[in-house]
Amino acid sequence: MNSSKVALIDQTNEGAVSPATLQQYAAALQQQVDNHLAPAWNVRADISVLAAGAVVPPDTLPLNIVDSLTGQAGVHTDYRGQLSAEAVNDDQLSITLSHELLEMLVDPLGTRVIQAADLDPYSGGQQVQYLVEVCDPCAVYTYDIDGVPVSDFVLPSFYDPDTTGEVDFAGFLARPLTVPLGCYISWLDPTDNRWHELQPNGTFLVGAQPGLSRDDRDAAFGDANPDRHDVPAIHRAWPQAVRRRRRPR
């Protein structure tokens, strides 16, 4: 099983997140990774808290809490081989931290894809390559761990049209390749070598240029989906009428 080390670091100007809150979030995220993510996706991490200004060990991935990001509230990146993630400090910080952490662990380089039938009903059902961003297809849904809200995420079965079990951890999605309003999913279509996306408003979009990675996807769509990385904005814009507790397991 692939294992990483991740440190939560408060990089806000005023040190706005208390050490006690950070420790509470780190404990909840550790439970989520160990008990929920790892059995499904075979990846895990040791979650710690570092003080602002502390030296980040070379084997540790920083998950920075910041005051703002241009056009987004959370992102995980691979800049010249240096992995990191950032989350904006707001009233949904724990959800954003969870979202970015899980996606960074499952697909750190933004290049992991899974082949399945095209979900666009007008596509003819050909096989395409879905970018594995485990929280985006269910981004409007959350569940609690010891009172801390965390992001729902899809299971590998989400991409299997023949599955008969659950396809997301919290049990909100009814069937494979189901993407409710407010959520999105992206895929590469080999017939045109372009990125396609089911957007939060339920419409389909084709990217302006080809590419192979998550960064290429973002470049291909430009400003067409400005809230793609803004988890709190997604929750505010797309409130779901039915949210329920995680199904008993």
Protein backbone atom coordinates (compact mmCIF):
# COMPACT_ATOMS: atom_id res chain seq x y z
CA MET A 1 0.00 0.00 0.00
CA ASN A 2 1.34 3.42 -0.96
CA SER A 3 1.84 5.63 2.10
CA SER A 4 2.70 9.31 2.42
CA LYS A 5 3.27 11.91 5.11
CA VAL A 6 1.12 15.05 5.04
CA ALA A 7 1.38 18.11 7.28
CA LEU A 8 -1.37 20.66 7.90
CA ILE A 9 0.21 24.11 8.06
CA ASP A 10 -1.58 27.35 8.91
CA GLN A 11 -0.14 29.89 6.46
CA THR A 12 -2.80 32.56 7.05
CA ASN A 13 -1.54 36.05 7.82
CA GLU A 14 -2.97 36.13 11.32
CA GLY A 15 -2.58 32.47 12.22
CA ALA A 16 -6.36 32.27 12.08
CA VAL A 17 -6.77 28.56 12.75
CA SER A 18 -6.08 27.56 16.33
CA PRO A 19 -3.67 24.70 17.06
CA ALA A 20 -6.50 22.85 18.81
CA THR A 21 -8.71 23.08 15.71
CA LEU A 22 -5.88 21.90 13.48
CA GLN A 23 -5.29 18.91 15.74
CA GLN A 24 -9.01 18.10 15.68
CA TYR A 25 -9.04 18.26 11.88
CA ALA A 26 -5.87 16.19 11.61
CA ALA A 27 -7.38 13.47 13.83
CA ALA A 28 -10.57 13.33 11.75
CA LEU A 29 -8.62 13.23 8.49
CA GLN A 30 -6.41 10.47 9.85
CA GLN A 31 -9.49 8.38 10.61
CA GLN A 32 -10.90 9.08 7.15
CA VAL A 33 -7.70 8.05 5.41
CA ASP A 34 -7.06 4.94 7.52
CA ASN A 35 -10.60 3.62 7.87
CA HIS A 36 -12.36 4.82 4.72
CA LEU A 37 -9.95 5.76 1.91
CA ALA A 38 -7.20 3.16 2.35
CA PRO A 39 -9.44 0.06 2.10
CA ALA A 40 -10.98 1.40 -1.11
CA TRP A 41 -8.03 2.95 -2.93
CA ASN A 42 -4.98 1.25 -1.33
CA VAL A 43 -3.31 4.52 -0.33
CA ARG A 44 -2.80 6.08 3.07
CA ALA A 45 -0.92 8.85 4.86
CA ASP A 46 0.25 9.93 8.28
CA ILE A 47 -1.35 13.31 9.04
CA SER A 48 0.47 15.78 11.30
CA VAL A 49 0.36 19.48 12.16
CA LEU A 50 3.30 21.82 11.65
CA ALA A 51 3.66 25.36 12.95
CA ALA A 52 3.82 28.15 10.40
CA GLY A 53 7.42 28.79 9.41
CA ALA A 54 8.57 25.33 10.43
CA VAL A 55 10.80 23.45 8.02
CA VAL A 56 8.77 20.88 6.12
CA PRO A 57 10.67 17.58 6.02
CA PRO A 58 11.58 16.56 2.46
CA ASP A 59 9.42 13.43 2.68
CA THR A 60 6.32 15.33 3.82
CA LEU A 61 3.63 16.85 1.60
CA PRO A 62 2.40 20.25 2.81
CA LEU A 63 -1.34 20.91 2.97
CA ASN A 64 -1.30 24.67 3.48
CA ILE A 65 -4.18 26.71 4.88
CA VAL A 66 -4.16 30.15 3.25
CA ASP A 67 -6.21 33.34 3.29
CA SER A 68 -7.17 33.22 -0.38
CA LEU A 69 -6.49 31.62 -3.74
CA THR A 70 -7.23 33.17 -7.11
CA GLY A 71 -10.58 31.81 -8.30
CA GLN A 72 -10.57 28.75 -6.07
CA ALA A 73 -10.68 27.55 -2.48
CA GLY A 74 -8.53 24.46 -2.74
CA VAL A 75 -6.08 22.86 -5.11
CA HIS A 76 -3.46 20.13 -5.18
CA THR A 77 -0.56 20.59 -7.55
CA ASP A 78 2.62 19.04 -8.84
CA TYR A 79 5.05 21.87 -9.55
CA ARG A 80 8.34 20.57 -10.93
CA GLY A 81 7.89 17.34 -9.04
CA GLN A 82 7.04 19.04 -5.73
CA LEU A 83 3.62 17.94 -4.52
CA SER A 84 1.54 20.23 -2.33
CA ALA A 85 -2.03 21.30 -1.66
CA GLU A 86 -3.73 24.44 -0.43
CA ALA A 87 -7.09 25.18 1.19
CA VAL A 88 -8.67 28.55 1.90
CA ASN A 89 -9.62 29.23 5.51
CA ASP A 90 -13.39 29.68 5.67
CA ASP A 91 -16.44 28.09 7.28
CA GLN A 92 -15.96 24.88 5.27
CA LEU A 93 -12.25 24.46 5.80
CA SER A 94 -12.39 20.87 7.03
CA ILE A 95 -14.35 19.81 3.91
CA THR A 96 -11.86 21.51 1.60
CA LEU A 97 -8.92 19.96 3.45
CA SER A 98 -10.52 16.53 3.15
CA HIS A 99 -11.30 17.03 -0.56
CA GLU A 100 -7.77 18.09 -1.47
CA LEU A 101 -6.09 15.51 0.75
CA LEU A 102 -8.01 12.55 -0.65
CA GLU A 103 -7.54 13.61 -4.27
CA MET A 104 -3.83 14.28 -3.73
CA LEU A 105 -3.33 10.83 -2.21
CA VAL A 106 -5.26 8.91 -4.87
CA ASP A 107 -3.87 10.83 -7.88
CA PRO A 108 -0.88 12.95 -6.79
CA LEU A 109 0.33 13.77 -10.31
CA GLY A 110 -3.06 14.41 -11.92
CA THR A 111 -2.55 11.72 -14.55
CA ARG A 112 -4.43 8.71 -13.18
CA VAL A 113 -7.30 7.57 -15.40
CA ILE A 114 -9.77 4.69 -15.42
CA GLN A 115 -11.37 3.36 -18.60
CA ALA A 116 -15.16 3.10 -18.75
CA ALA A 117 -18.05 3.84 -21.09
CA ASP A 118 -18.69 7.48 -21.97
CA LEU A 119 -21.51 8.77 -19.75
CA ASP A 120 -22.59 11.35 -22.36
CA PRO A 121 -25.89 9.88 -23.66
CA TYR A 122 -25.13 11.20 -27.16
CA SER A 123 -21.66 9.68 -27.37
CA GLY A 124 -22.51 6.18 -28.51
CA GLY A 125 -21.08 4.67 -25.34
CA GLN A 126 -17.48 4.31 -26.50
CA GLN A 127 -14.74 3.67 -23.97
CA VAL A 128 -13.09 6.81 -22.59
CA GLN A 129 -10.48 7.63 -19.94
CA TYR A 130 -11.92 9.23 -16.79
CA LEU A 131 -9.60 11.44 -14.75
CA VAL A 132 -9.60 10.02 -11.22
CA GLU A 133 -10.60 12.92 -8.99
CA VAL A 134 -12.34 10.99 -6.26
CA CYS A 135 -14.26 13.85 -4.61
CA ASP A 136 -15.46 15.83 -7.65
CA PRO A 137 -18.30 13.51 -8.80
CA CYS A 138 -19.86 13.79 -5.30
CA ALA A 139 -18.46 17.16 -4.19
CA VAL A 140 -21.76 18.44 -2.76
CA TYR A 141 -21.95 15.60 -0.23
CA THR A 142 -20.28 15.36 3.16
CA TYR A 143 -20.35 13.25 6.30
CA ASP A 144 -19.02 13.75 9.84
CA ILE A 145 -16.18 12.15 11.75
CA ASP A 146 -16.29 13.04 15.45
CA GLY A 147 -18.19 16.21 14.62
CA VAL A 148 -15.81 17.29 11.81
CA PRO A 149 -17.41 17.51 8.33
CA VAL A 150 -15.36 15.75 5.64
CA SER A 151 -15.84 15.20 1.92
CA ASP A 152 -17.57 12.21 0.43
CA PHE A 153 -15.57 10.37 -2.27
CA VAL A 154 -16.25 7.80 -4.98
CA LEU A 155 -15.11 4.19 -4.80
CA PRO A 156 -13.42 2.28 -7.65
CA SER A 157 -16.81 0.67 -8.29
CA PHE A 158 -18.08 4.10 -9.40
CA TYR A 159 -16.41 3.43 -12.77
CA ASP A 160 -17.83 -0.10 -13.16
CA PRO A 161 -21.24 -0.04 -14.92
CA ASP A 162 -21.95 -3.61 -13.79
CA THR A 163 -21.44 -3.04 -10.07
CA THR A 164 -24.32 -3.79 -7.72
CA GLY A 165 -22.87 -2.28 -4.54
CA GLU A 166 -22.25 1.23 -3.33
CA VAL A 167 -20.26 3.56 -5.57
CA ASP A 168 -19.39 6.34 -3.13
CA PHE A 169 -18.35 6.00 0.49
CA ALA A 170 -21.23 7.91 2.09
CA GLY A 171 -23.86 6.18 -0.02
CA PHE A 172 -25.43 9.17 -1.74
CA LEU A 173 -25.02 8.09 -5.38
CA ALA A 174 -27.54 5.62 -6.75
CA ARG A 175 -25.47 3.98 -9.48
CA PRO A 176 -22.11 4.06 -11.30
CA LEU A 177 -21.07 7.14 -13.27
CA THR A 178 -23.82 9.21 -11.65
CA VAL A 179 -22.86 12.87 -11.29
CA PRO A 180 -25.47 15.04 -9.53
CA LEU A 181 -25.94 18.75 -10.08
CA GLY A 182 -23.17 20.76 -8.46
CA CYS A 183 -20.57 18.06 -9.18
CA TYR A 184 -18.46 17.35 -12.24
CA ILE A 185 -16.32 14.75 -13.96
CA SER A 186 -13.75 14.96 -16.77
CA TRP A 187 -12.57 12.43 -19.34
CA LEU A 188 -10.37 12.01 -22.39
CA ASP A 189 -12.16 10.79 -25.51
CA PRO A 190 -9.81 8.82 -27.81
CA THR A 191 -11.98 9.60 -30.84
CA ASP A 192 -11.03 13.29 -30.75
CA ASN A 193 -8.16 13.26 -28.19
CA ARG A 194 -9.85 16.07 -26.25
CA TRP A 195 -11.03 16.60 -22.71
CA HIS A 196 -14.77 16.37 -22.13
CA GLU A 197 -16.57 17.39 -18.98
CA LEU A 198 -19.97 17.06 -17.37
CA GLN A 199 -20.28 20.42 -15.65
CA PRO A 200 -22.01 21.27 -12.34
CA ASN A 201 -25.03 22.67 -14.20
CA GLY A 202 -25.56 19.36 -16.02
CA THR A 203 -24.27 20.43 -19.44
CA PHE A 204 -21.47 18.80 -21.42
CA LEU A 205 -18.39 20.69 -22.55
CA VAL A 206 -15.54 19.84 -24.94
CA GLY A 207 -12.11 21.31 -24.26
CA ALA A 208 -10.40 23.63 -26.69
CA GLN A 209 -7.20 21.59 -26.94
CA PRO A 210 -5.89 18.05 -26.36
CA GLY A 211 -3.73 16.96 -23.45
CA LEU A 212 -3.05 14.11 -21.05
CA SER A 213 -2.97 15.53 -17.50
CA ARG A 214 -5.15 17.39 -15.02
CA ASP A 215 -3.23 20.58 -15.81
CA ASP A 216 -3.95 20.04 -19.52
CA ARG A 217 -7.62 19.63 -18.63
CA ASP A 218 -7.66 22.93 -16.76
CA ALA A 219 -5.94 24.67 -19.66
CA ALA A 220 -8.32 23.12 -22.19
CA PHE A 221 -11.40 24.48 -20.40
CA GLY A 222 -9.92 27.79 -19.30
CA ASP A 223 -12.57 29.84 -17.49
CA ALA A 224 -15.49 27.68 -18.60
CA ASN A 225 -15.83 26.20 -15.10
CA PRO A 226 -14.38 28.83 -12.75
CA ASP A 227 -15.63 27.11 -9.59
CA ARG A 228 -14.01 23.76 -10.40
CA HIS A 229 -11.62 24.02 -7.43
CA ASP A 230 -13.82 26.11 -5.13
CA VAL A 231 -15.42 23.63 -2.73
CA PRO A 232 -17.30 26.20 -0.58
CA ALA A 233 -18.66 27.89 -3.71
CA ILE A 234 -19.94 24.53 -4.94
CA HIS A 235 -21.73 23.95 -1.65
CA ARG A 236 -23.25 27.43 -1.67
CA ALA A 237 -24.35 27.33 -5.30
CA TRP A 238 -25.70 23.78 -5.34
CA PRO A 239 -27.41 22.99 -2.03
CA GLN A 240 -28.78 19.48 -2.14
CA ALA A 241 -32.36 18.90 -1.01
CA VAL A 242 -31.51 15.53 0.51
CA ARG A 243 -28.41 15.02 2.63
CA ARG A 244 -28.26 12.16 5.03
CA ARG A 245 -25.88 10.48 7.36
CA ARG A 246 -23.51 7.87 6.09
CA ARG A 247 -25.17 4.50 5.70
CA PRO A 248 -24.30 2.03 8.48
CA ARG A 249 -21.59 -0.43 7.54
